[in-house]
Amino acid sequence: MGNLYFRGSKDFGYKHKTWWYSIDPEVIKSERIAYIVLAADTKGIFLIPSSIFFAYRHRHPVGAVKGGREDFTILRNDNRYIRHEAKCEDEDITRYFIPNPENHVNVVK
């Protein structure tokens, strides 16, 4: 599968920020990271190919944080998961979300 880069976030529950991560693009590049794994509190994980990460940052001026890292903000909008950065276009990343099976309740009738 390749090298993985892992970050976690609590559910902030804000209008424009459900989860927030600080990502270091230089580490992803230098370590030849294949997938970025983002834990979304206890809801599940995002398994995002690094090529998708780099394609987004080449198209948009993603905000920088301390130490050369970049913002990675995800907004939950009903059943969709959207990468949402200030001054950038939103991108639907729902297909990369893997829900935690323990958070789903099966109703038997």
N, C-alpha and C. Protein backbone atom coordinates (compact mmCIF):
# COMPACT_ATOMS: atom_id res chain seq x y z
N MET A 1 0.82 -1.19 0.00
CA MET A 1 0.00 0.00 0.00
C MET A 1 0.86 1.26 0.00
N GLY A 2 2.04 1.21 0.60
CA GLY A 2 2.92 2.36 0.65
C GLY A 2 2.97 3.00 2.03
N ASN A 3 3.75 4.05 2.15
CA ASN A 3 3.89 4.77 3.40
C ASN A 3 2.63 5.57 3.70
N LEU A 4 2.32 5.68 5.00
CA LEU A 4 1.13 6.40 5.45
C LEU A 4 1.54 7.60 6.31
N TYR A 5 0.76 8.65 6.25
CA TYR A 5 0.94 9.85 7.06
C TYR A 5 -0.34 9.99 7.88
N PHE A 6 -0.24 10.00 9.20
CA PHE A 6 -1.42 9.96 10.06
C PHE A 6 -1.57 11.24 10.86
N ARG A 7 -2.81 11.74 10.93
CA ARG A 7 -3.18 12.85 11.79
C ARG A 7 -4.58 12.59 12.32
N GLY A 8 -4.86 13.16 13.48
CA GLY A 8 -6.18 13.02 14.07
C GLY A 8 -6.76 14.37 14.44
N SER A 9 -8.08 14.44 14.55
CA SER A 9 -8.76 15.67 14.93
C SER A 9 -10.02 15.34 15.72
N LYS A 10 -10.30 16.17 16.70
CA LYS A 10 -11.60 16.08 17.37
C LYS A 10 -12.64 16.72 16.47
N ASP A 11 -13.89 16.50 16.79
CA ASP A 11 -15.00 17.13 16.07
C ASP A 11 -15.20 18.51 16.68
N PHE A 12 -14.80 19.56 15.95
CA PHE A 12 -14.94 20.92 16.45
C PHE A 12 -16.39 21.38 16.42
N GLY A 13 -17.18 20.88 15.46
CA GLY A 13 -18.59 21.21 15.38
C GLY A 13 -18.90 22.63 14.96
N TYR A 14 -17.92 23.35 14.43
CA TYR A 14 -18.14 24.72 13.97
C TYR A 14 -18.83 24.71 12.61
N LYS A 15 -19.43 25.85 12.26
CA LYS A 15 -20.15 25.98 11.00
C LYS A 15 -19.24 25.73 9.79
N HIS A 16 -18.01 26.21 9.84
CA HIS A 16 -17.09 26.06 8.71
C HIS A 16 -15.90 25.16 9.02
N LYS A 17 -16.00 24.37 10.08
CA LYS A 17 -14.91 23.47 10.44
C LYS A 17 -15.44 22.35 11.31
N THR A 18 -15.54 21.15 10.73
CA THR A 18 -15.89 20.00 11.55
C THR A 18 -14.60 19.40 12.11
N TRP A 19 -13.64 19.12 11.24
CA TRP A 19 -12.33 18.60 11.65
C TRP A 19 -11.24 19.46 11.03
N TRP A 20 -10.12 19.62 11.77
CA TRP A 20 -9.01 20.42 11.27
C TRP A 20 -7.70 19.67 11.53
N TYR A 21 -6.83 19.69 10.51
CA TYR A 21 -5.55 19.00 10.59
C TYR A 21 -4.44 19.94 10.12
N SER A 22 -3.25 19.69 10.58
CA SER A 22 -2.06 20.41 10.15
C SER A 22 -1.19 19.38 9.40
N ILE A 23 -0.99 19.63 8.10
CA ILE A 23 -0.30 18.67 7.23
C ILE A 23 1.02 19.26 6.76
N ASP A 24 2.09 18.47 6.78
CA ASP A 24 3.40 18.93 6.31
C ASP A 24 3.67 18.38 4.92
N PRO A 25 3.50 19.20 3.87
CA PRO A 25 3.67 18.70 2.51
C PRO A 25 5.10 18.24 2.20
N GLU A 26 6.08 18.83 2.89
CA GLU A 26 7.48 18.42 2.65
C GLU A 26 7.73 17.00 3.14
N VAL A 27 7.14 16.63 4.26
CA VAL A 27 7.27 15.26 4.78
C VAL A 27 6.59 14.28 3.83
N ILE A 28 5.42 14.65 3.35
CA ILE A 28 4.69 13.77 2.42
C ILE A 28 5.51 13.52 1.17
N LYS A 29 6.14 14.58 0.68
CA LYS A 29 6.96 14.46 -0.52
C LYS A 29 8.26 13.69 -0.26
N SER A 30 9.01 14.09 0.76
CA SER A 30 10.32 13.49 1.01
C SER A 30 10.24 12.03 1.45
N GLU A 31 9.17 11.67 2.17
CA GLU A 31 9.02 10.30 2.66
C GLU A 31 8.22 9.43 1.70
N ARG A 32 7.88 9.99 0.55
CA ARG A 32 7.11 9.27 -0.48
C ARG A 32 5.84 8.64 0.11
N ILE A 33 5.07 9.48 0.76
CA ILE A 33 3.83 9.04 1.39
C ILE A 33 2.81 8.71 0.31
N ALA A 34 2.21 7.55 0.40
CA ALA A 34 1.21 7.12 -0.58
C ALA A 34 -0.19 7.59 -0.20
N TYR A 35 -0.50 7.54 1.10
CA TYR A 35 -1.84 7.90 1.58
C TYR A 35 -1.75 8.75 2.84
N ILE A 36 -2.61 9.73 2.92
CA ILE A 36 -2.78 10.53 4.12
C ILE A 36 -3.99 9.95 4.85
N VAL A 37 -3.79 9.57 6.10
CA VAL A 37 -4.86 8.98 6.92
C VAL A 37 -5.26 10.02 7.96
N LEU A 38 -6.50 10.46 7.90
CA LEU A 38 -7.00 11.47 8.82
C LEU A 38 -8.11 10.87 9.67
N ALA A 39 -7.85 10.74 10.97
CA ALA A 39 -8.87 10.23 11.89
C ALA A 39 -9.85 11.36 12.17
N ALA A 40 -11.13 11.09 11.98
CA ALA A 40 -12.19 12.06 12.19
C ALA A 40 -12.89 11.75 13.51
N ASP A 41 -12.24 12.14 14.60
CA ASP A 41 -12.76 11.87 15.93
C ASP A 41 -13.03 10.37 16.03
N THR A 42 -14.21 9.97 16.44
CA THR A 42 -14.55 8.54 16.49
C THR A 42 -15.46 8.14 15.33
N LYS A 43 -15.69 9.07 14.41
CA LYS A 43 -16.61 8.82 13.30
C LYS A 43 -16.05 7.92 12.22
N GLY A 44 -14.74 7.93 12.03
CA GLY A 44 -14.12 7.13 10.98
C GLY A 44 -12.79 7.74 10.56
N ILE A 45 -12.32 7.33 9.39
CA ILE A 45 -11.06 7.86 8.87
C ILE A 45 -11.23 8.26 7.40
N PHE A 46 -10.38 9.17 6.99
CA PHE A 46 -10.24 9.52 5.58
C PHE A 46 -8.94 8.89 5.11
N LEU A 47 -8.98 8.18 4.01
CA LEU A 47 -7.81 7.57 3.40
C LEU A 47 -7.63 8.25 2.04
N ILE A 48 -6.79 9.29 2.03
CA ILE A 48 -6.67 10.17 0.87
C ILE A 48 -5.34 9.94 0.17
N PRO A 49 -5.36 9.60 -1.12
CA PRO A 49 -4.11 9.45 -1.87
C PRO A 49 -3.33 10.77 -1.85
N SER A 50 -2.03 10.70 -1.68
CA SER A 50 -1.24 11.92 -1.64
C SER A 50 -1.34 12.69 -2.96
N SER A 51 -1.58 12.00 -4.05
CA SER A 51 -1.74 12.70 -5.33
C SER A 51 -2.94 13.64 -5.31
N ILE A 52 -4.00 13.28 -4.61
CA ILE A 52 -5.19 14.13 -4.46
C ILE A 52 -4.84 15.35 -3.60
N PHE A 53 -4.07 15.13 -2.55
CA PHE A 53 -3.63 16.22 -1.68
C PHE A 53 -2.81 17.23 -2.48
N PHE A 54 -1.83 16.75 -3.25
CA PHE A 54 -0.97 17.66 -4.01
C PHE A 54 -1.73 18.34 -5.15
N ALA A 55 -2.66 17.66 -5.78
CA ALA A 55 -3.45 18.27 -6.85
C ALA A 55 -4.26 19.45 -6.30
N TYR A 56 -4.84 19.29 -5.12
CA TYR A 56 -5.63 20.37 -4.51
C TYR A 56 -4.74 21.57 -4.20
N ARG A 57 -3.59 21.33 -3.60
CA ARG A 57 -2.73 22.46 -3.21
C ARG A 57 -2.10 23.14 -4.42
N HIS A 58 -1.98 22.45 -5.54
CA HIS A 58 -1.48 23.10 -6.75
C HIS A 58 -2.55 23.99 -7.39
N ARG A 59 -3.81 23.65 -7.17
CA ARG A 59 -4.92 24.45 -7.73
C ARG A 59 -5.32 25.61 -6.84
N HIS A 60 -4.99 25.55 -5.54
CA HIS A 60 -5.50 26.53 -4.58
C HIS A 60 -4.41 27.02 -3.63
N PRO A 61 -4.52 28.29 -3.18
CA PRO A 61 -3.57 28.84 -2.20
C PRO A 61 -3.96 28.44 -0.77
N VAL A 62 -3.62 27.24 -0.37
CA VAL A 62 -3.99 26.72 0.95
C VAL A 62 -3.24 27.50 2.03
N GLY A 63 -3.94 27.81 3.11
CA GLY A 63 -3.36 28.58 4.21
C GLY A 63 -2.23 27.83 4.91
N ALA A 64 -1.20 28.58 5.28
CA ALA A 64 -0.04 28.00 5.97
C ALA A 64 -0.19 28.18 7.48
N VAL A 65 0.42 27.26 8.20
CA VAL A 65 0.50 27.36 9.66
C VAL A 65 1.96 27.23 10.06
N LYS A 66 2.24 27.33 11.33
CA LYS A 66 3.60 27.30 11.85
C LYS A 66 4.40 26.08 11.38
N GLY A 67 5.67 26.31 11.08
CA GLY A 67 6.56 25.21 10.73
C GLY A 67 6.44 24.71 9.30
N GLY A 68 5.83 25.49 8.41
CA GLY A 68 5.71 25.09 7.02
C GLY A 68 4.56 24.13 6.74
N ARG A 69 3.76 23.87 7.75
CA ARG A 69 2.61 22.99 7.54
C ARG A 69 1.47 23.76 6.90
N GLU A 70 0.45 23.04 6.47
CA GLU A 70 -0.71 23.65 5.82
C GLU A 70 -1.99 23.20 6.50
N ASP A 71 -3.01 24.05 6.37
CA ASP A 71 -4.35 23.70 6.85
C ASP A 71 -4.95 22.58 6.02
N PHE A 72 -5.70 21.74 6.68
CA PHE A 72 -6.54 20.75 6.00
C PHE A 72 -7.81 20.70 6.83
N THR A 73 -8.86 21.34 6.33
CA THR A 73 -10.12 21.45 7.05
C THR A 73 -11.20 20.65 6.33
N ILE A 74 -11.96 19.88 7.10
CA ILE A 74 -13.06 19.09 6.54
C ILE A 74 -14.35 19.55 7.20
N LEU A 75 -15.35 19.74 6.36
CA LEU A 75 -16.67 20.15 6.80
C LEU A 75 -17.65 19.02 6.49
N ARG A 76 -18.39 18.60 7.51
CA ARG A 76 -19.45 17.60 7.29
C ARG A 76 -20.71 18.36 6.90
N ASN A 77 -21.28 17.99 5.77
CA ASN A 77 -22.48 18.65 5.26
C ASN A 77 -23.48 17.54 4.93
N ASP A 78 -24.39 17.27 5.87
CA ASP A 78 -25.31 16.14 5.78
C ASP A 78 -24.50 14.85 5.65
N ASN A 79 -24.63 14.12 4.54
CA ASN A 79 -23.89 12.87 4.33
C ASN A 79 -22.67 13.06 3.45
N ARG A 80 -22.22 14.30 3.27
CA ARG A 80 -21.07 14.59 2.42
C ARG A 80 -19.95 15.14 3.29
N TYR A 81 -18.72 14.92 2.84
CA TYR A 81 -17.54 15.44 3.52
C TYR A 81 -16.79 16.31 2.52
N ILE A 82 -16.58 17.56 2.90
CA ILE A 82 -16.06 18.56 1.99
C ILE A 82 -14.76 19.13 2.55
N ARG A 83 -13.71 19.16 1.70
CA ARG A 83 -12.52 19.89 2.08
C ARG A 83 -12.83 21.36 1.88
N HIS A 84 -12.71 22.12 2.95
CA HIS A 84 -13.12 23.52 2.94
C HIS A 84 -11.97 24.38 3.47
N GLU A 85 -11.36 25.17 2.60
CA GLU A 85 -10.28 26.08 2.98
C GLU A 85 -10.69 27.49 2.60
N ALA A 86 -10.32 28.46 3.42
CA ALA A 86 -10.61 29.86 3.11
C ALA A 86 -9.96 30.24 1.78
N LYS A 87 -10.67 30.98 0.97
CA LYS A 87 -10.20 31.48 -0.33
C LYS A 87 -9.90 30.38 -1.34
N CYS A 88 -10.43 29.18 -1.12
CA CYS A 88 -10.23 28.05 -2.04
C CYS A 88 -11.60 27.46 -2.38
N GLU A 89 -11.67 26.76 -3.49
CA GLU A 89 -12.90 26.06 -3.84
C GLU A 89 -13.04 24.82 -2.96
N ASP A 90 -14.29 24.53 -2.59
CA ASP A 90 -14.56 23.32 -1.83
C ASP A 90 -14.38 22.10 -2.72
N GLU A 91 -13.97 20.98 -2.10
CA GLU A 91 -13.81 19.74 -2.85
C GLU A 91 -14.46 18.61 -2.06
N ASP A 92 -15.32 17.86 -2.72
CA ASP A 92 -16.00 16.73 -2.08
C ASP A 92 -15.01 15.57 -1.93
N ILE A 93 -14.77 15.15 -0.70
CA ILE A 93 -13.84 14.04 -0.45
C ILE A 93 -14.57 12.86 0.20
N THR A 94 -15.88 12.82 0.03
CA THR A 94 -16.70 11.77 0.64
C THR A 94 -16.20 10.37 0.27
N ARG A 95 -15.78 10.17 -0.97
CA ARG A 95 -15.37 8.83 -1.42
C ARG A 95 -14.14 8.30 -0.66
N TYR A 96 -13.42 9.18 0.03
CA TYR A 96 -12.24 8.75 0.78
C TYR A 96 -12.55 8.46 2.25
N PHE A 97 -13.82 8.62 2.65
CA PHE A 97 -14.19 8.42 4.04
C PHE A 97 -14.57 6.97 4.30
N ILE A 98 -14.02 6.41 5.37
CA ILE A 98 -14.34 5.05 5.81
C ILE A 98 -14.95 5.18 7.21
N PRO A 99 -16.26 4.95 7.34
CA PRO A 99 -16.91 5.14 8.64
C PRO A 99 -16.49 4.07 9.66
N ASN A 100 -16.54 4.46 10.91
CA ASN A 100 -16.31 3.53 12.00
C ASN A 100 -17.55 2.68 12.14
N PRO A 101 -17.48 1.37 11.94
CA PRO A 101 -18.68 0.52 11.99
C PRO A 101 -19.36 0.53 13.36
N GLU A 102 -18.64 0.86 14.41
CA GLU A 102 -19.23 0.91 15.76
C GLU A 102 -20.16 2.10 15.93
N ASN A 103 -20.07 3.10 15.04
CA ASN A 103 -20.93 4.28 15.13
C ASN A 103 -22.24 4.09 14.38
N HIS A 104 -22.41 3.00 13.69
CA HIS A 104 -23.61 2.75 12.92
C HIS A 104 -24.47 1.72 13.65
N VAL A 105 -25.75 2.02 13.75
CA VAL A 105 -26.68 1.12 14.41
C VAL A 105 -27.59 0.51 13.36
N ASN A 106 -27.66 -0.79 13.32
CA ASN A 106 -28.56 -1.47 12.39
C ASN A 106 -29.92 -1.66 13.08
N VAL A 107 -30.94 -1.20 12.42
CA VAL A 107 -32.29 -1.32 12.96
C VAL A 107 -32.95 -2.53 12.30
N VAL A 108 -33.43 -3.45 13.13
CA VAL A 108 -34.11 -4.65 12.65
C VAL A 108 -35.59 -4.48 12.89
N LYS A 109 -36.39 -4.68 11.84
CA LYS A 109 -37.84 -4.55 11.99
C LYS A 109 -38.51 -5.89 11.85
